[in-house]
């Protein structure tokens, strides 16, 4: 959960710093979306990070937070897999890696992989 929330916070911070003012944040962690959208107790172990996310969303911009199934967000899944081969730290891509091309096309047309197969 902490990794998801850090991804949300860093993504929002980069979007803000790059001048984006109309953002749709699609997160495949339902729990992260709920933590960001609902009131949070100050005793929650991730309280400060959640508050940072809420403050980033509350800036002077349009920022919509929605849940998306992992299968509908192949690009994010691909980038996460790609990250396993990178050194620790933040890596910002100015343009998508060529290996993400098929995922971007699938995501843009709404083509999803099935969530389960029945035998």
C-alpha atoms as a PDB file:
ATOM      1  CA  UNK A   1       0.000   0.000   0.000  1.00  0.00           C
ATOM      2  CA  UNK A   2       2.803   2.392   0.832  1.00  0.00           C
ATOM      3  CA  UNK A   3       4.364   1.895  -2.613  1.00  0.00           C
ATOM      4  CA  UNK A   4       1.024   2.643  -4.307  1.00  0.00           C
ATOM      5  CA  UNK A   5       0.590   5.831  -2.294  1.00  0.00           C
ATOM      6  CA  UNK A   6       4.149   6.954  -3.035  1.00  0.00           C
ATOM      7  CA  UNK A   7       3.431   6.377  -6.724  1.00  0.00           C
ATOM      8  CA  UNK A   8       0.298   8.509  -6.461  1.00  0.00           C
ATOM      9  CA  UNK A   9       2.113  11.285  -4.624  1.00  0.00           C
ATOM     10  CA  UNK A  10       5.152  11.342  -6.911  1.00  0.00           C
ATOM     11  CA  UNK A  11       2.986  11.167 -10.039  1.00  0.00           C
ATOM     12  CA  UNK A  12       0.866  14.086  -8.865  1.00  0.00           C
ATOM     13  CA  UNK A  13       3.962  16.070  -7.897  1.00  0.00           C
ATOM     14  CA  UNK A  14       5.532  15.556 -11.322  1.00  0.00           C
ATOM     15  CA  UNK A  15       2.269  16.424 -13.097  1.00  0.00           C
ATOM     16  CA  UNK A  16       2.002  19.656 -11.074  1.00  0.00           C
ATOM     17  CA  UNK A  17       5.653  20.589 -11.636  1.00  0.00           C
ATOM     18  CA  UNK A  18       5.250  19.992 -15.388  1.00  0.00           C
ATOM     19  CA  UNK A  19       2.314  22.410 -15.502  1.00  0.00           C
ATOM     20  CA  UNK A  20      -0.499  19.898 -15.954  1.00  0.00           C
ATOM     21  CA  UNK A  21      -3.686  21.374 -14.542  1.00  0.00           C
ATOM     22  CA  UNK A  22      -6.301  18.878 -15.716  1.00  0.00           C
ATOM     23  CA  UNK A  23      -5.375  15.420 -14.440  1.00  0.00           C
ATOM     24  CA  UNK A  24      -7.150  12.090 -14.237  1.00  0.00           C
ATOM     25  CA  UNK A  25      -5.364   9.779 -11.823  1.00  0.00           C
ATOM     26  CA  UNK A  26      -6.247   6.147 -12.493  1.00  0.00           C
ATOM     27  CA  UNK A  27      -5.090   3.833  -9.718  1.00  0.00           C
ATOM     28  CA  UNK A  28      -5.452   0.050  -9.744  1.00  0.00           C
ATOM     29  CA  UNK A  29      -5.366  -0.140  -5.948  1.00  0.00           C
ATOM     30  CA  UNK A  30      -8.916   0.194  -4.653  1.00  0.00           C
ATOM     31  CA  UNK A  31      -7.577   0.538  -1.105  1.00  0.00           C
ATOM     32  CA  UNK A  32      -5.321   3.450  -2.090  1.00  0.00           C
ATOM     33  CA  UNK A  33      -8.226   5.233  -3.801  1.00  0.00           C
ATOM     34  CA  UNK A  34     -10.405   4.818  -0.700  1.00  0.00           C
ATOM     35  CA  UNK A  35      -7.626   6.049   1.612  1.00  0.00           C
ATOM     36  CA  UNK A  36      -7.196   9.136  -0.569  1.00  0.00           C
ATOM     37  CA  UNK A  37     -10.905   9.899  -0.942  1.00  0.00           C
ATOM     38  CA  UNK A  38     -12.217   9.218   2.565  1.00  0.00           C
ATOM     39  CA  UNK A  39     -11.419  10.842   5.920  1.00  0.00           C
ATOM     40  CA  UNK A  40      -8.379   9.284   7.597  1.00  0.00           C
ATOM     41  CA  UNK A  41      -7.580   8.819  11.272  1.00  0.00           C
ATOM     42  CA  UNK A  42      -4.354  10.438  12.397  1.00  0.00           C
ATOM     43  CA  UNK A  43      -3.399   7.107  13.974  1.00  0.00           C
ATOM     44  CA  UNK A  44      -3.162   5.437  10.540  1.00  0.00           C
ATOM     45  CA  UNK A  45       0.452   4.309   9.935  1.00  0.00           C
ATOM     46  CA  UNK A  46       0.492   6.033   6.522  1.00  0.00           C
ATOM     47  CA  UNK A  47      -1.315   9.162   7.711  1.00  0.00           C
ATOM     48  CA  UNK A  48       1.354  11.673   6.616  1.00  0.00           C
ATOM     49  CA  UNK A  49       1.686  10.176   3.137  1.00  0.00           C
ATOM     50  CA  UNK A  50      -2.096  10.045   2.689  1.00  0.00           C
ATOM     51  CA  UNK A  51      -2.378  13.686   3.779  1.00  0.00           C
ATOM     52  CA  UNK A  52       0.372  14.608   1.294  1.00  0.00           C
ATOM     53  CA  UNK A  53      -1.662  12.920  -1.464  1.00  0.00           C
ATOM     54  CA  UNK A  54      -4.848  14.709  -0.384  1.00  0.00           C
ATOM     55  CA  UNK A  55      -3.053  18.068  -0.335  1.00  0.00           C
ATOM     56  CA  UNK A  56      -1.613  17.452  -3.799  1.00  0.00           C
ATOM     57  CA  UNK A  57      -5.087  16.618  -5.120  1.00  0.00           C
ATOM     58  CA  UNK A  58      -6.516  19.721  -3.427  1.00  0.00           C
ATOM     59  CA  UNK A  59      -4.220  22.152  -5.243  1.00  0.00           C
ATOM     60  CA  UNK A  60      -5.607  24.692  -7.695  1.00  0.00           C
ATOM     61  CA  UNK A  61      -6.214  22.241 -10.534  1.00  0.00           C
ATOM     62  CA  UNK A  62      -8.725  19.700 -11.718  1.00  0.00           C
ATOM     63  CA  UNK A  63      -7.615  16.326 -10.383  1.00  0.00           C
ATOM     64  CA  UNK A  64      -9.982  13.376 -10.594  1.00  0.00           C
ATOM     65  CA  UNK A  65      -9.052  10.158  -8.781  1.00  0.00           C
ATOM     66  CA  UNK A  66     -10.595   6.928 -10.038  1.00  0.00           C
ATOM     67  CA  UNK A  67     -10.082   3.217  -9.607  1.00  0.00           C
ATOM     68  CA  UNK A  68      -9.189   1.228 -12.699  1.00  0.00           C
ATOM     69  CA  UNK A  69      -8.779  -2.511 -12.933  1.00  0.00           C
ATOM     70  CA  UNK A  70      -5.204  -3.601 -13.452  1.00  0.00           C
ATOM     71  CA  UNK A  71      -6.212  -5.360 -16.675  1.00  0.00           C
ATOM     72  CA  UNK A  72      -7.406  -2.033 -18.113  1.00  0.00           C
ATOM     73  CA  UNK A  73      -4.086  -0.346 -17.335  1.00  0.00           C
ATOM     74  CA  UNK A  74      -1.516  -2.519 -19.091  1.00  0.00           C
ATOM     75  CA  UNK A  75       0.816   0.471 -19.529  1.00  0.00           C
ATOM     76  CA  UNK A  76       1.213   0.989 -15.780  1.00  0.00           C
ATOM     77  CA  UNK A  77       1.713  -2.729 -15.270  1.00  0.00           C
ATOM     78  CA  UNK A  78       4.367  -2.781 -18.007  1.00  0.00           C
ATOM     79  CA  UNK A  79       6.187   0.204 -16.512  1.00  0.00           C
ATOM     80  CA  UNK A  80       6.146  -1.437 -13.069  1.00  0.00           C
ATOM     81  CA  UNK A  81       7.659  -4.592 -14.559  1.00  0.00           C
ATOM     82  CA  UNK A  82      10.246  -2.483 -16.376  1.00  0.00           C
ATOM     83  CA  UNK A  83      11.145  -0.818 -13.090  1.00  0.00           C
ATOM     84  CA  UNK A  84      12.336  -4.103 -11.616  1.00  0.00           C
ATOM     85  CA  UNK A  85      15.366  -3.888 -13.902  1.00  0.00           C
ATOM     86  CA  UNK A  86      16.245  -0.297 -12.996  1.00  0.00           C
ATOM     87  CA  UNK A  87      18.355   1.038 -10.157  1.00  0.00           C
ATOM     88  CA  UNK A  88      16.609   2.232  -7.003  1.00  0.00           C
ATOM     89  CA  UNK A  89      15.173   5.734  -7.115  1.00  0.00           C
ATOM     90  CA  UNK A  90      12.820   7.796  -9.204  1.00  0.00           C
ATOM     91  CA  UNK A  91      13.006   7.351 -12.970  1.00  0.00           C
ATOM     92  CA  UNK A  92      11.102   9.857 -15.117  1.00  0.00           C
ATOM     93  CA  UNK A  93      10.503   9.017 -18.766  1.00  0.00           C
ATOM     94  CA  UNK A  94      10.081  12.022 -21.072  1.00  0.00           C
ATOM     95  CA  UNK A  95       8.503   9.714 -23.633  1.00  0.00           C
ATOM     96  CA  UNK A  96       7.266   6.152 -23.241  1.00  0.00           C
ATOM     97  CA  UNK A  97       9.733   3.334 -23.827  1.00  0.00           C
ATOM     98  CA  UNK A  98       9.243   1.590 -27.167  1.00  0.00           C
ATOM     99  CA  UNK A  99       8.454  -1.619 -25.293  1.00  0.00           C
ATOM    100  CA  UNK A 100       5.285   0.042 -23.964  1.00  0.00           C
ATOM    101  CA  UNK A 101       3.809   0.800 -27.411  1.00  0.00           C
ATOM    102  CA  UNK A 102       1.422  -2.162 -27.572  1.00  0.00           C
ATOM    103  CA  UNK A 103       0.225  -1.540 -24.022  1.00  0.00           C
ATOM    104  CA  UNK A 104      -0.470   2.124 -24.767  1.00  0.00           C
ATOM    105  CA  UNK A 105      -2.524   1.202 -27.826  1.00  0.00           C
ATOM    106  CA  UNK A 106      -4.494  -1.419 -25.875  1.00  0.00           C
ATOM    107  CA  UNK A 107      -5.181   1.011 -23.048  1.00  0.00           C
ATOM    108  CA  UNK A 108      -6.209   3.823 -25.399  1.00  0.00           C
ATOM    109  CA  UNK A 109      -8.825   1.693 -27.179  1.00  0.00           C
ATOM    110  CA  UNK A 110     -10.069   0.146 -23.956  1.00  0.00           C
ATOM    111  CA  UNK A 111      -9.017  -3.397 -24.765  1.00  0.00           C
ATOM    112  CA  UNK A 112      -8.566  -5.339 -21.556  1.00  0.00           C
ATOM    113  CA  UNK A 113      -7.110  -8.686 -20.710  1.00  0.00           C
ATOM    114  CA  UNK A 114      -9.598 -11.063 -19.083  1.00  0.00           C
ATOM    115  CA  UNK A 115      -9.602 -11.080 -15.279  1.00  0.00           C
ATOM    116  CA  UNK A 116     -10.085 -14.845 -15.072  1.00  0.00           C
ATOM    117  CA  UNK A 117     -10.447 -17.913 -17.216  1.00  0.00           C
ATOM    118  CA  UNK A 118     -12.964 -20.659 -16.536  1.00  0.00           C
ATOM    119  CA  UNK A 119     -11.875 -24.221 -17.297  1.00  0.00           C
END
